[in-house]
PDB file of N, CA and C in Angstrom:
ATOM      1  N   MET A   1     -31.343 171.083 117.665  1.00  0.00           N
ATOM      2  CA  MET A   1     -31.785 170.257 116.703  1.00  0.00           C
ATOM      3  C   MET A   1     -33.305 170.664 115.830  1.00  0.00           C
ATOM      4  N   ILE A   2     -33.176 170.813 114.475  1.00  0.00           N
ATOM      5  CA  ILE A   2     -34.027 171.216 113.474  1.00  0.00           C
ATOM      6  C   ILE A   2     -35.318 170.186 113.759  1.00  0.00           C
ATOM      7  N   ASN A   3     -36.810 170.168 113.849  1.00  0.00           N
ATOM      8  CA  ASN A   3     -37.597 168.906 113.573  1.00  0.00           C
ATOM      9  C   ASN A   3     -37.991 169.477 112.568  1.00  0.00           C
ATOM     10  N   ARG A   4     -38.137 168.552 111.607  1.00  0.00           N
ATOM     11  CA  ARG A   4     -38.677 168.849 110.156  1.00  0.00           C
ATOM     12  C   ARG A   4     -39.781 167.695 109.827  1.00  0.00           C
ATOM     13  N   VAL A   5     -40.867 168.031 109.611  1.00  0.00           N
ATOM     14  CA  VAL A   5     -42.137 167.437 109.340  1.00  0.00           C
ATOM     15  C   VAL A   5     -41.909 166.767 107.888  1.00  0.00           C
ATOM     16  N   LEU A   6     -42.207 165.499 107.201  1.00  0.00           N
ATOM     17  CA  LEU A   6     -42.059 164.864 105.994  1.00  0.00           C
ATOM     18  C   LEU A   6     -43.588 165.071 105.593  1.00  0.00           C
ATOM     19  N   THR A   7     -43.535 165.282 104.425  1.00  0.00           N
ATOM     20  CA  THR A   7     -44.640 165.500 103.984  1.00  0.00           C
ATOM     21  C   THR A   7     -44.457 164.642 102.732  1.00  0.00           C
ATOM     22  N   VAL A   8     -45.505 163.795 101.507  1.00  0.00           N
ATOM     23  CA  VAL A   8     -45.274 162.744 100.551  1.00  0.00           C
ATOM     24  C   VAL A   8     -44.291 163.695  99.609  1.00  0.00           C
ATOM     25  N   GLY A   9     -44.282 164.710  99.530  1.00  0.00           N
ATOM     26  CA  GLY A   9     -43.419 165.583  98.515  1.00  0.00           C
ATOM     27  C   GLY A   9     -41.712 165.789  98.957  1.00  0.00           C
ATOM     28  N   SER A  10     -41.690 165.368 100.403  1.00  0.00           N
ATOM     29  CA  SER A  10     -40.592 165.637 100.991  1.00  0.00           C
ATOM     30  C   SER A  10     -40.132 163.925 101.134  1.00  0.00           C
ATOM     31  N   LEU A  11     -40.401 163.061 100.729  1.00  0.00           N
ATOM     32  CA  LEU A  11     -39.873 161.801 100.475  1.00  0.00           C
ATOM     33  C   LEU A  11     -39.612 161.324  99.279  1.00  0.00           C
ATOM     34  N   ILE A  12     -39.918 162.053  98.377  1.00  0.00           N
ATOM     35  CA  ILE A  12     -39.214 162.091  96.823  1.00  0.00           C
ATOM     36  C   ILE A  12     -37.704 161.916  96.290  1.00  0.00           C
ATOM     37  N   PRO A  13     -37.188 160.664  96.000  1.00  0.00           N
ATOM     38  CA  PRO A  13     -35.752 160.814  95.893  1.00  0.00           C
ATOM     39  C   PRO A  13     -35.241 161.966  95.453  1.00  0.00           C
ATOM     40  N   GLY A  14     -34.097 162.661  96.162  1.00  0.00           N
ATOM     41  CA  GLY A  14     -33.259 163.614  95.630  1.00  0.00           C
ATOM     42  C   GLY A  14     -33.752 165.049  96.016  1.00  0.00           C
ATOM     43  N   ARG A  15     -35.292 165.490  97.050  1.00  0.00           N
ATOM     44  CA  ARG A  15     -36.115 166.419  97.391  1.00  0.00           C
ATOM     45  C   ARG A  15     -35.397 166.736  98.658  1.00  0.00           C
ATOM     46  N   MET A  16     -34.704 165.755  99.545  1.00  0.00           N
ATOM     47  CA  MET A  16     -34.212 166.448 100.628  1.00  0.00           C
ATOM     48  C   MET A  16     -33.907 165.235 101.106  1.00  0.00           C
ATOM     49  N   THR A  17     -32.087 165.533 101.679  1.00  0.00           N
ATOM     50  CA  THR A  17     -31.327 164.701 102.313  1.00  0.00           C
ATOM     51  C   THR A  17     -31.361 164.864 103.523  1.00  0.00           C
ATOM     52  N   VAL A  18     -30.717 163.874 104.302  1.00  0.00           N
ATOM     53  CA  VAL A  18     -30.547 163.525 106.037  1.00  0.00           C
ATOM     54  C   VAL A  18     -29.022 163.374 106.119  1.00  0.00           C
ATOM     55  N   LYS A  19     -28.239 164.398 106.590  1.00  0.00           N
ATOM     56  CA  LYS A  19     -26.972 163.965 107.118  1.00  0.00           C
ATOM     57  C   LYS A  19     -26.548 162.689 108.013  1.00  0.00           C
ATOM     58  N   PRO A  20     -25.625 161.864 108.149  1.00  0.00           N
ATOM     59  CA  PRO A  20     -25.841 160.996 108.769  1.00  0.00           C
ATOM     60  C   PRO A  20     -25.192 161.781 110.188  1.00  0.00           C
ATOM     61  N   PRO A  21     -25.697 160.704 111.364  1.00  0.00           N
ATOM     62  CA  PRO A  21     -25.558 161.666 112.305  1.00  0.00           C
ATOM     63  C   PRO A  21     -23.526 161.424 112.963  1.00  0.00           C
ATOM     64  N   ALA A  22     -23.082 162.604 113.154  1.00  0.00           N
ATOM     65  CA  ALA A  22     -22.115 162.484 113.573  1.00  0.00           C
ATOM     66  C   ALA A  22     -21.718 162.053 114.568  1.00  0.00           C
ATOM     67  N   PRO A  23     -20.176 161.082 114.552  1.00  0.00           N
ATOM     68  CA  PRO A  23     -19.897 160.337 115.373  1.00  0.00           C
ATOM     69  C   PRO A  23     -19.531 161.242 116.961  1.00  0.00           C
ATOM     70  N   VAL A  24     -19.609 160.334 118.145  1.00  0.00           N
ATOM     71  CA  VAL A  24     -19.515 160.700 119.246  1.00  0.00           C
ATOM     72  C   VAL A  24     -18.177 160.576 119.787  1.00  0.00           C
ATOM     73  N   GLN A  25     -18.157 162.129 120.328  1.00  0.00           N
ATOM     74  CA  GLN A  25     -16.271 161.782 121.011  1.00  0.00           C
ATOM     75  C   GLN A  25     -16.620 161.791 122.349  1.00  0.00           C
ATOM     76  N   THR A  26     -15.911 160.675 122.907  1.00  0.00           N
ATOM     77  CA  THR A  26     -15.854 160.435 124.333  1.00  0.00           C
ATOM     78  C   THR A  26     -14.004 160.234 124.777  1.00  0.00           C
ATOM     79  N   GLU A  27     -13.664 160.803 125.866  1.00  0.00           N
ATOM     80  CA  GLU A  27     -12.572 160.879 126.415  1.00  0.00           C
ATOM     81  C   GLU A  27     -11.648 160.472 124.901  1.00  0.00           C
ATOM     82  N   ASN A  28     -11.269 161.250 123.721  1.00  0.00           N
ATOM     83  CA  ASN A  28     -10.438 161.273 122.715  1.00  0.00           C
ATOM     84  C   ASN A  28     -10.823 159.912 121.934  1.00  0.00           C
ATOM     85  N   LYS A  29     -11.806 159.247 122.100  1.00  0.00           N
ATOM     86  CA  LYS A  29     -11.976 158.014 121.608  1.00  0.00           C
ATOM     87  C   LYS A  29     -13.357 158.289 120.603  1.00  0.00           C
ATOM     88  N   GLU A  30     -13.380 158.025 119.247  1.00  0.00           N
ATOM     89  CA  GLU A  30     -14.158 157.942 118.559  1.00  0.00           C
ATOM     90  C   GLU A  30     -15.222 157.136 118.177  1.00  0.00           C
ATOM     91  N   VAL A  31     -16.556 157.084 118.533  1.00  0.00           N
ATOM     92  CA  VAL A  31     -17.516 156.448 118.345  1.00  0.00           C
ATOM     93  C   VAL A  31     -18.086 156.252 117.013  1.00  0.00           C
ATOM     94  N   LYS A  32     -18.004 155.359 116.284  1.00  0.00           N
ATOM     95  CA  LYS A  32     -18.700 155.519 115.198  1.00  0.00           C
ATOM     96  C   LYS A  32     -20.630 155.122 115.280  1.00  0.00           C
ATOM     97  N   THR A  33     -20.853 155.324 114.713  1.00  0.00           N
ATOM     98  CA  THR A  33     -22.724 154.854 114.054  1.00  0.00           C
ATOM     99  C   THR A  33     -22.670 153.832 113.363  1.00  0.00           C
ATOM    100  N   GLU A  34     -22.780 152.501 113.376  1.00  0.00           N
ATOM    101  CA  GLU A  34     -22.717 151.683 112.289  1.00  0.00           C
ATOM    102  C   GLU A  34     -23.935 151.784 111.548  1.00  0.00           C
ATOM    103  N   GLY A  35     -23.950 151.880 110.463  1.00  0.00           N
ATOM    104  CA  GLY A  35     -25.028 152.002 109.536  1.00  0.00           C
ATOM    105  C   GLY A  35     -25.745 150.215 109.440  1.00  0.00           C
ATOM    106  N   ILE A  36     -26.803 150.366 108.700  1.00  0.00           N
ATOM    107  CA  ILE A  36     -27.719 149.268 108.528  1.00  0.00           C
ATOM    108  C   ILE A  36     -27.176 148.813 106.767  1.00  0.00           C
ATOM    109  N   ILE A  37     -26.968 147.723 106.435  1.00  0.00           N
ATOM    110  CA  ILE A  37     -26.619 147.073 105.201  1.00  0.00           C
ATOM    111  C   ILE A  37     -28.149 146.416 104.679  1.00  0.00           C
ATOM    112  N   VAL A  38     -28.398 146.203 103.613  1.00  0.00           N
ATOM    113  CA  VAL A  38     -29.564 146.121 102.957  1.00  0.00           C
ATOM    114  C   VAL A  38     -29.375 145.670 101.811  1.00  0.00           C
ATOM    115  N   GLU A  39     -29.826 144.899 101.130  1.00  0.00           N
ATOM    116  CA  GLU A  39     -29.526 144.242  99.851  1.00  0.00           C
ATOM    117  C   GLU A  39     -31.220 143.946  98.875  1.00  0.00           C
ATOM    118  N   GLN A  40     -31.403 144.946  97.968  1.00  0.00           N
ATOM    119  CA  GLN A  40     -32.694 144.627  97.382  1.00  0.00           C
ATOM    120  C   GLN A  40     -32.125 144.354  95.673  1.00  0.00           C
ATOM    121  N   ASN A  41     -32.620 143.550  95.214  1.00  0.00           N
ATOM    122  CA  ASN A  41     -32.657 143.172  93.708  1.00  0.00           C
ATOM    123  C   ASN A  41     -30.934 142.979  93.520  1.00  0.00           C
ATOM    124  N   GLY A  42     -30.148 142.412  94.280  1.00  0.00           N
ATOM    125  CA  GLY A  42     -28.642 142.516  94.157  1.00  0.00           C
ATOM    126  C   GLY A  42     -27.865 144.047  94.354  1.00  0.00           C
ATOM    127  N   ASN A  43     -28.710 145.035  94.607  1.00  0.00           N
ATOM    128  CA  ASN A  43     -28.302 146.202  95.331  1.00  0.00           C
ATOM    129  C   ASN A  43     -28.116 146.311  96.282  1.00  0.00           C
ATOM    130  N   ARG A  44     -26.759 146.734  96.838  1.00  0.00           N
ATOM    131  CA  ARG A  44     -26.528 146.711  98.470  1.00  0.00           C
ATOM    132  C   ARG A  44     -26.300 148.407  98.819  1.00  0.00           C
ATOM    133  N   MET A  45     -27.035 148.722  99.669  1.00  0.00           N
ATOM    134  CA  MET A  45     -27.004 150.052 100.394  1.00  0.00           C
ATOM    135  C   MET A  45     -26.913 150.265 101.569  1.00  0.00           C
ATOM    136  N   GLU A  46     -26.138 151.502 102.335  1.00  0.00           N
ATOM    137  CA  GLU A  46     -26.036 151.426 103.675  1.00  0.00           C
ATOM    138  C   GLU A  46     -27.049 152.515 103.989  1.00  0.00           C
ATOM    139  N   ILE A  47     -27.909 152.173 105.113  1.00  0.00           N
ATOM    140  CA  ILE A  47     -28.622 153.132 105.733  1.00  0.00           C
ATOM    141  C   ILE A  47     -28.157 153.848 106.873  1.00  0.00           C
ATOM    142  N   HIS A  48     -27.691 154.888 107.333  1.00  0.00           N
ATOM    143  CA  HIS A  48     -27.822 155.293 108.505  1.00  0.00           C
ATOM    144  C   HIS A  48     -28.973 155.347 109.688  1.00  0.00           C
ATOM    145  N   PRO A  49     -28.754 154.836 110.794  1.00  0.00           N
ATOM    146  CA  PRO A  49     -29.832 154.542 111.727  1.00  0.00           C
ATOM    147  C   PRO A  49     -30.298 155.881 111.974  1.00  0.00           C
ATOM    148  N   VAL A  50     -31.749 156.245 111.647  1.00  0.00           N
ATOM    149  CA  VAL A  50     -32.481 156.831 112.182  1.00  0.00           C
ATOM    150  C   VAL A  50     -33.915 156.655 112.826  1.00  0.00           C
ATOM    151  N   LYS A  51     -34.213 157.145 113.318  1.00  0.00           N
ATOM    152  CA  LYS A  51     -35.398 156.658 113.956  1.00  0.00           C
ATOM    153  C   LYS A  51     -36.565 156.774 113.243  1.00  0.00           C
ATOM    154  N   GLY A  52     -37.362 155.567 112.718  1.00  0.00           N
ATOM    155  CA  GLY A  52     -38.286 155.549 111.812  1.00  0.00           C
ATOM    156  C   GLY A  52     -38.504 154.283 110.593  1.00  0.00           C
ATOM    157  N   LYS A  53     -39.251 154.573 110.257  1.00  0.00           N
ATOM    158  CA  LYS A  53     -39.315 153.191 108.999  1.00  0.00           C
ATOM    159  C   LYS A  53     -38.316 153.301 108.019  1.00  0.00           C
ATOM    160  N   LEU A  54     -37.703 152.104 107.876  1.00  0.00           N
ATOM    161  CA  LEU A  54     -36.585 151.835 107.362  1.00  0.00           C
ATOM    162  C   LEU A  54     -36.969 152.094 105.823  1.00  0.00           C
ATOM    163  N   LEU A  55     -38.003 151.993 105.127  1.00  0.00           N
ATOM    164  CA  LEU A  55     -38.224 152.526 103.508  1.00  0.00           C
ATOM    165  C   LEU A  55     -38.293 153.621 103.538  1.00  0.00           C
ATOM    166  N   ASP A  56     -38.930 154.723 104.886  1.00  0.00           N
ATOM    167  CA  ASP A  56     -39.128 156.202 104.736  1.00  0.00           C
ATOM    168  C   ASP A  56     -37.703 156.667 105.054  1.00  0.00           C
ATOM    169  N   ILE A  57     -37.005 156.493 106.021  1.00  0.00           N
ATOM    170  CA  ILE A  57     -35.496 156.764 106.144  1.00  0.00           C
ATOM    171  C   ILE A  57     -34.543 156.194 104.888  1.00  0.00           C
ATOM    172  N   ALA A  58     -34.812 155.482 104.299  1.00  0.00           N
ATOM    173  CA  ALA A  58     -33.613 154.978 102.936  1.00  0.00           C
ATOM    174  C   ALA A  58     -34.300 155.623 101.808  1.00  0.00           C
ATOM    175  N   LEU A  59     -35.393 156.103 101.686  1.00  0.00           N
ATOM    176  CA  LEU A  59     -35.518 157.332 100.527  1.00  0.00           C
ATOM    177  C   LEU A  59     -35.187 158.369 101.140  1.00  0.00           C
ATOM    178  N   ILE A  60     -35.664 159.192 102.178  1.00  0.00           N
ATOM    179  CA  ILE A  60     -34.865 160.459 102.449  1.00  0.00           C
ATOM    180  C   ILE A  60     -33.559 160.688 102.369  1.00  0.00           C
ATOM    181  N   GLN A  61     -32.765 159.535 102.527  1.00  0.00           N
ATOM    182  CA  GLN A  61     -30.951 159.316 102.443  1.00  0.00           C
ATOM    183  C   GLN A  61     -30.471 159.432 100.906  1.00  0.00           C
ATOM    184  N   GLY A  62     -31.663 158.965 100.102  1.00  0.00           N
ATOM    185  CA  GLY A  62     -31.518 158.950  98.491  1.00  0.00           C
ATOM    186  C   GLY A  62     -31.072 157.843  97.969  1.00  0.00           C
ATOM    187  N   LYS A  63     -31.587 156.674  99.180  1.00  0.00           N
ATOM    188  CA  LYS A  63     -31.563 155.105  98.205  1.00  0.00           C
ATOM    189  C   LYS A  63     -32.630 154.454  97.802  1.00  0.00           C
ATOM    190  N   GLN A  64     -32.415 153.786  96.547  1.00  0.00           N
ATOM    191  CA  GLN A  64     -33.436 153.370  95.465  1.00  0.00           C
ATOM    192  C   GLN A  64     -34.136 151.827  96.079  1.00  0.00           C
ATOM    193  N   ILE A  65     -34.747 152.100  96.943  1.00  0.00           N
ATOM    194  CA  ILE A  65     -35.456 150.758  96.987  1.00  0.00           C
ATOM    195  C   ILE A  65     -36.739 151.026  96.196  1.00  0.00           C
ATOM    196  N   ASN A  66     -37.396 149.904  95.552  1.00  0.00           N
ATOM    197  CA  ASN A  66     -38.080 149.470  95.142  1.00  0.00           C
ATOM    198  C   ASN A  66     -39.452 149.665  96.300  1.00  0.00           C
ATOM    199  N   TYR A  67     -40.697 149.686  95.752  1.00  0.00           N
ATOM    200  CA  TYR A  67     -41.764 149.704  96.781  1.00  0.00           C
ATOM    201  C   TYR A  67     -42.848 150.185  96.012  1.00  0.00           C
ATOM    202  N   LYS A  68     -43.957 149.795  96.698  1.00  0.00           N
ATOM    203  CA  LYS A  68     -45.551 150.136  95.875  1.00  0.00           C
ATOM    204  C   LYS A  68     -46.527 150.684  96.835  1.00  0.00           C
ATOM    205  N   CYS A  69     -46.753 149.672  97.802  1.00  0.00           N
ATOM    206  CA  CYS A  69     -48.064 149.971  98.617  1.00  0.00           C
ATOM    207  C   CYS A  69     -47.860 150.693  99.971  1.00  0.00           C
ATOM    208  N   ARG A  70     -46.528 150.151 100.414  1.00  0.00           N
ATOM    209  CA  ARG A  70     -46.384 151.040 101.774  1.00  0.00           C
ATOM    210  C   ARG A  70     -47.172 150.235 102.640  1.00  0.00           C
ATOM    211  N   LYS A  71     -48.038 149.274 102.438  1.00  0.00           N
ATOM    212  CA  LYS A  71     -49.000 148.507 103.676  1.00  0.00           C
ATOM    213  C   LYS A  71     -48.316 147.270 104.388  1.00  0.00           C
ATOM    214  N   GLY A  72     -47.612 146.600 103.101  1.00  0.00           N
ATOM    215  CA  GLY A  72     -46.927 145.428 103.568  1.00  0.00           C
ATOM    216  C   GLY A  72     -47.635 144.286 102.907  1.00  0.00           C
ATOM    217  N   THR A  73     -48.732 144.649 102.077  1.00  0.00           N
ATOM    218  CA  THR A  73     -49.259 143.516 101.019  1.00  0.00           C
ATOM    219  C   THR A  73     -48.696 143.023 100.057  1.00  0.00           C
ATOM    220  N   CYS A  74     -47.899 143.951  99.195  1.00  0.00           N
ATOM    221  CA  CYS A  74     -47.588 143.890  97.850  1.00  0.00           C
ATOM    222  C   CYS A  74     -46.175 142.898  97.995  1.00  0.00           C
ATOM    223  N   GLY A  75     -45.281 143.165  99.053  1.00  0.00           N
ATOM    224  CA  GLY A  75     -44.014 142.858  99.051  1.00  0.00           C
ATOM    225  C   GLY A  75     -42.803 143.199  98.087  1.00  0.00           C
ATOM    226  N   GLN A  76     -43.354 144.276  97.511  1.00  0.00           N
ATOM    227  CA  GLN A  76     -41.786 144.678  96.457  1.00  0.00           C
ATOM    228  C   GLN A  76     -40.994 145.599  97.135  1.00  0.00           C
ATOM    229  N   CYS A  77     -41.375 145.903  98.598  1.00  0.00           N
ATOM    230  CA  CYS A  77     -40.089 146.346  99.323  1.00  0.00           C
ATOM    231  C   CYS A  77     -39.187 145.551 100.083  1.00  0.00           C
ATOM    232  N   THR A  78     -39.494 144.482  99.508  1.00  0.00           N
ATOM    233  CA  THR A  78     -38.523 143.371 100.450  1.00  0.00           C
ATOM    234  C   THR A  78     -37.234 143.508 100.078  1.00  0.00           C
ATOM    235  N   VAL A  79     -36.184 143.486 101.429  1.00  0.00           N
ATOM    236  CA  VAL A  79     -35.246 143.639 101.262  1.00  0.00           C
ATOM    237  C   VAL A  79     -34.284 142.623 102.505  1.00  0.00           C
ATOM    238  N   LYS A  80     -33.188 142.475 102.143  1.00  0.00           N
ATOM    239  CA  LYS A  80     -32.247 141.576 102.954  1.00  0.00           C
ATOM    240  C   LYS A  80     -31.330 142.019 103.624  1.00  0.00           C
ATOM    241  N   VAL A  81     -31.256 142.040 104.753  1.00  0.00           N
ATOM    242  CA  VAL A  81     -30.756 142.802 105.854  1.00  0.00           C
ATOM    243  C   VAL A  81     -29.364 141.924 106.310  1.00  0.00           C
ATOM    244  N   ILE A  82     -28.202 143.115 105.587  1.00  0.00           N
ATOM    245  CA  ILE A  82     -27.201 141.522 105.437  1.00  0.00           C
ATOM    246  C   ILE A  82     -26.102 142.410 106.762  1.00  0.00           C
ATOM    247  N   LYS A  83     -26.292 143.483 107.187  1.00  0.00           N
ATOM    248  CA  LYS A  83     -25.860 143.873 108.518  1.00  0.00           C
ATOM    249  C   LYS A  83     -26.364 145.299 109.144  1.00  0.00           C
ATOM    250  N   GLY A  84     -26.486 144.752 110.687  1.00  0.00           N
ATOM    251  CA  GLY A  84     -26.956 145.881 111.390  1.00  0.00           C
ATOM    252  C   GLY A  84     -28.064 145.227 112.161  1.00  0.00           C
ATOM    253  N   THR A  85     -28.005 146.342 113.086  1.00  0.00           N
ATOM    254  CA  THR A  85     -29.259 146.007 114.229  1.00  0.00           C
ATOM    255  C   THR A  85     -29.815 147.335 114.530  1.00  0.00           C
ATOM    256  N   GLY A  86     -30.861 147.223 115.751  1.00  0.00           N
ATOM    257  CA  GLY A  86     -31.992 148.346 115.886  1.00  0.00           C
ATOM    258  C   GLY A  86     -33.182 148.386 115.005  1.00  0.00           C
ATOM    259  N   LEU A  87     -33.289 147.294 114.510  1.00  0.00           N
ATOM    260  CA  LEU A  87     -34.707 146.828 113.749  1.00  0.00           C
ATOM    261  C   LEU A  87     -35.440 146.388 114.932  1.00  0.00           C
ATOM    262  N   SER A  88     -37.212 146.867 114.590  1.00  0.00           N
ATOM    263  CA  SER A  88     -37.983 146.454 115.221  1.00  0.00           C
ATOM    264  C   SER A  88     -37.932 144.859 114.865  1.00  0.00           C
ATOM    265  N   VAL A  89     -39.160 144.170 115.984  1.00  0.00           N
ATOM    266  CA  VAL A  89     -39.538 142.930 115.458  1.00  0.00           C
ATOM    267  C   VAL A  89     -40.220 142.613 114.844  1.00  0.00           C
ATOM    268  N   PRO A  90     -40.250 141.539 113.798  1.00  0.00           N
ATOM    269  CA  PRO A  90     -41.105 141.517 112.418  1.00  0.00           C
ATOM    270  C   PRO A  90     -42.769 141.418 112.953  1.00  0.00           C
ATOM    271  N   ASN A  91     -43.562 142.283 112.523  1.00  0.00           N
ATOM    272  CA  ASN A  91     -44.745 142.700 113.080  1.00  0.00           C
ATOM    273  C   ASN A  91     -45.687 141.598 111.964  1.00  0.00           C
ATOM    274  N   GLU A  92     -46.652 141.765 112.100  1.00  0.00           N
ATOM    275  CA  GLU A  92     -47.824 140.745 111.904  1.00  0.00           C
ATOM    276  C   GLU A  92     -47.866 140.838 110.343  1.00  0.00           C
ATOM    277  N   GLN A  93     -47.744 141.631 110.174  1.00  0.00           N
ATOM    278  CA  GLN A  93     -47.765 141.909 108.165  1.00  0.00           C
ATOM    279  C   GLN A  93     -46.586 141.213 107.619  1.00  0.00           C
ATOM    280  N   GLU A  94     -45.474 141.379 108.219  1.00  0.00           N
ATOM    281  CA  GLU A  94     -44.285 140.810 107.543  1.00  0.00           C
ATOM    282  C   GLU A  94     -44.287 139.203 108.175  1.00  0.00           C
ATOM    283  N   GLN A  95     -44.935 138.738 109.161  1.00  0.00           N
ATOM    284  CA  GLN A  95     -44.846 137.371 109.434  1.00  0.00           C
ATOM    285  C   GLN A  95     -45.679 136.736 108.400  1.00  0.00           C
ATOM    286  N   LYS A  96     -46.896 137.600 108.160  1.00  0.00           N
ATOM    287  CA  LYS A  96     -47.977 137.035 106.531  1.00  0.00           C
ATOM    288  C   LYS A  96     -47.397 137.097 105.883  1.00  0.00           C
ATOM    289  N   LYS A  97     -46.369 137.743 105.221  1.00  0.00           N
ATOM    290  CA  LYS A  97     -46.022 138.045 103.922  1.00  0.00           C
ATOM    291  C   LYS A  97     -44.610 137.252 103.834  1.00  0.00           C
ATOM    292  N   LEU A  98     -43.697 137.710 104.575  1.00  0.00           N
ATOM    293  CA  LEU A  98     -42.843 136.577 104.108  1.00  0.00           C
ATOM    294  C   LEU A  98     -42.266 135.538 104.872  1.00  0.00           C
ATOM    295  N   LYS A  99     -42.932 134.812 105.993  1.00  0.00           N
ATOM    296  CA  LYS A  99     -43.204 133.753 106.420  1.00  0.00           C
ATOM    297  C   LYS A  99     -42.128 133.219 107.173  1.00  0.00           C
ATOM    298  N   ASN A 100     -41.099 132.097 106.388  1.00  0.00           N
ATOM    299  CA  ASN A 100     -39.884 131.644 106.526  1.00  0.00           C
ATOM    300  C   ASN A 100     -38.750 132.460 106.258  1.00  0.00           C
ATOM    301  N   GLU A 101     -38.925 133.333 105.475  1.00  0.00           N
ATOM    302  CA  GLU A 101     -37.714 134.372 104.844  1.00  0.00           C
ATOM    303  C   GLU A 101     -37.136 135.089 105.972  1.00  0.00           C
ATOM    304  N   LEU A 102     -38.188 135.183 106.755  1.00  0.00           N
ATOM    305  CA  LEU A 102     -37.850 136.267 108.208  1.00  0.00           C
ATOM    306  C   LEU A 102     -36.460 135.247 108.898  1.00  0.00           C
ATOM    307  N   MET A 103     -36.752 134.249 109.007  1.00  0.00           N
ATOM    308  CA  MET A 103     -35.249 133.595 109.447  1.00  0.00           C
ATOM    309  C   MET A 103     -33.715 133.861 108.565  1.00  0.00           C
ATOM    310  N   ASN A 104     -34.224 134.046 107.387  1.00  0.00           N
ATOM    311  CA  ASN A 104     -33.160 134.477 106.638  1.00  0.00           C
ATOM    312  C   ASN A 104     -32.462 135.672 106.065  1.00  0.00           C
ATOM    313  N   GLY A 105     -33.173 136.922 107.470  1.00  0.00           N
ATOM    314  CA  GLY A 105     -32.909 137.899 107.110  1.00  0.00           C
ATOM    315  C   GLY A 105     -33.356 138.969 106.249  1.00  0.00           C
ATOM    316  N   TYR A 106     -34.559 138.752 105.653  1.00  0.00           N
ATOM    317  CA  TYR A 106     -35.447 139.146 104.895  1.00  0.00           C
ATOM    318  C   TYR A 106     -36.925 139.856 105.604  1.00  0.00           C
ATOM    319  N   ARG A 107     -36.826 141.325 105.264  1.00  0.00           N
ATOM    320  CA  ARG A 107     -37.913 142.358 106.173  1.00  0.00           C
ATOM    321  C   ARG A 107     -38.260 143.282 104.922  1.00  0.00           C
ATOM    322  N   LEU A 108     -39.568 143.387 105.297  1.00  0.00           N
ATOM    323  CA  LEU A 108     -40.245 144.349 104.505  1.00  0.00           C
ATOM    324  C   LEU A 108     -40.286 145.816 104.832  1.00  0.00           C
ATOM    325  N   ALA A 109     -39.531 146.557 104.019  1.00  0.00           N
ATOM    326  CA  ALA A 109     -39.169 148.075 104.300  1.00  0.00           C
ATOM    327  C   ALA A 109     -40.097 149.143 104.801  1.00  0.00           C
ATOM    328  N   CYS A 110     -41.265 148.758 104.384  1.00  0.00           N
ATOM    329  CA  CYS A 110     -42.323 149.623 104.541  1.00  0.00           C
ATOM    330  C   CYS A 110     -43.018 149.540 106.160  1.00  0.00           C
ATOM    331  N   GLN A 111     -42.732 148.183 106.631  1.00  0.00           N
ATOM    332  CA  GLN A 111     -42.743 147.785 108.109  1.00  0.00           C
ATOM    333  C   GLN A 111     -41.770 147.628 108.957  1.00  0.00           C
ATOM    334  N   ALA A 112     -40.708 147.434 108.349  1.00  0.00           N
ATOM    335  CA  ALA A 112     -39.209 147.468 109.721  1.00  0.00           C
ATOM    336  C   ALA A 112     -38.992 148.573 110.057  1.00  0.00           C
ATOM    337  N   GLU A 113     -39.094 148.991 111.219  1.00  0.00           N
ATOM    338  CA  GLU A 113     -38.712 150.403 111.994  1.00  0.00           C
ATOM    339  C   GLU A 113     -37.720 150.213 112.192  1.00  0.00           C
ATOM    340  N   ILE A 114     -36.738 151.711 112.374  1.00  0.00           N
ATOM    341  CA  ILE A 114     -35.452 151.624 113.058  1.00  0.00           C
ATOM    342  C   ILE A 114     -35.732 152.090 114.331  1.00  0.00           C
ATOM    343  N   LEU A 115     -35.253 151.527 115.390  1.00  0.00           N
ATOM    344  CA  LEU A 115     -35.537 151.847 116.854  1.00  0.00           C
ATOM    345  C   LEU A 115     -34.266 152.881 117.345  1.00  0.00           C
TER     346      LEU A 115
END
């Protein structure tokens, strides 16, 4: 496995792509890795789960998520998680910004981590 170092330039959409993980073969049964489906401004996108911040992984995979501050203060990167598991528990910044919207599936992509 090749370890890649991400820099600011590598996070620009279209500069670097990450292939989705290959399905795992076990006793002639194919196990598929399920993606995380999020929605922002009416646009749905599937993000293949790779460990890291949801926003960073989405941008690396060429998904167009709106964002601004990357600190969790502006709320520009708010997405609704339609399907998928494996995200971190909402942190203090998300709880402060989103409040009750967390219960409706909304997360800050810059704060939510794929585990």
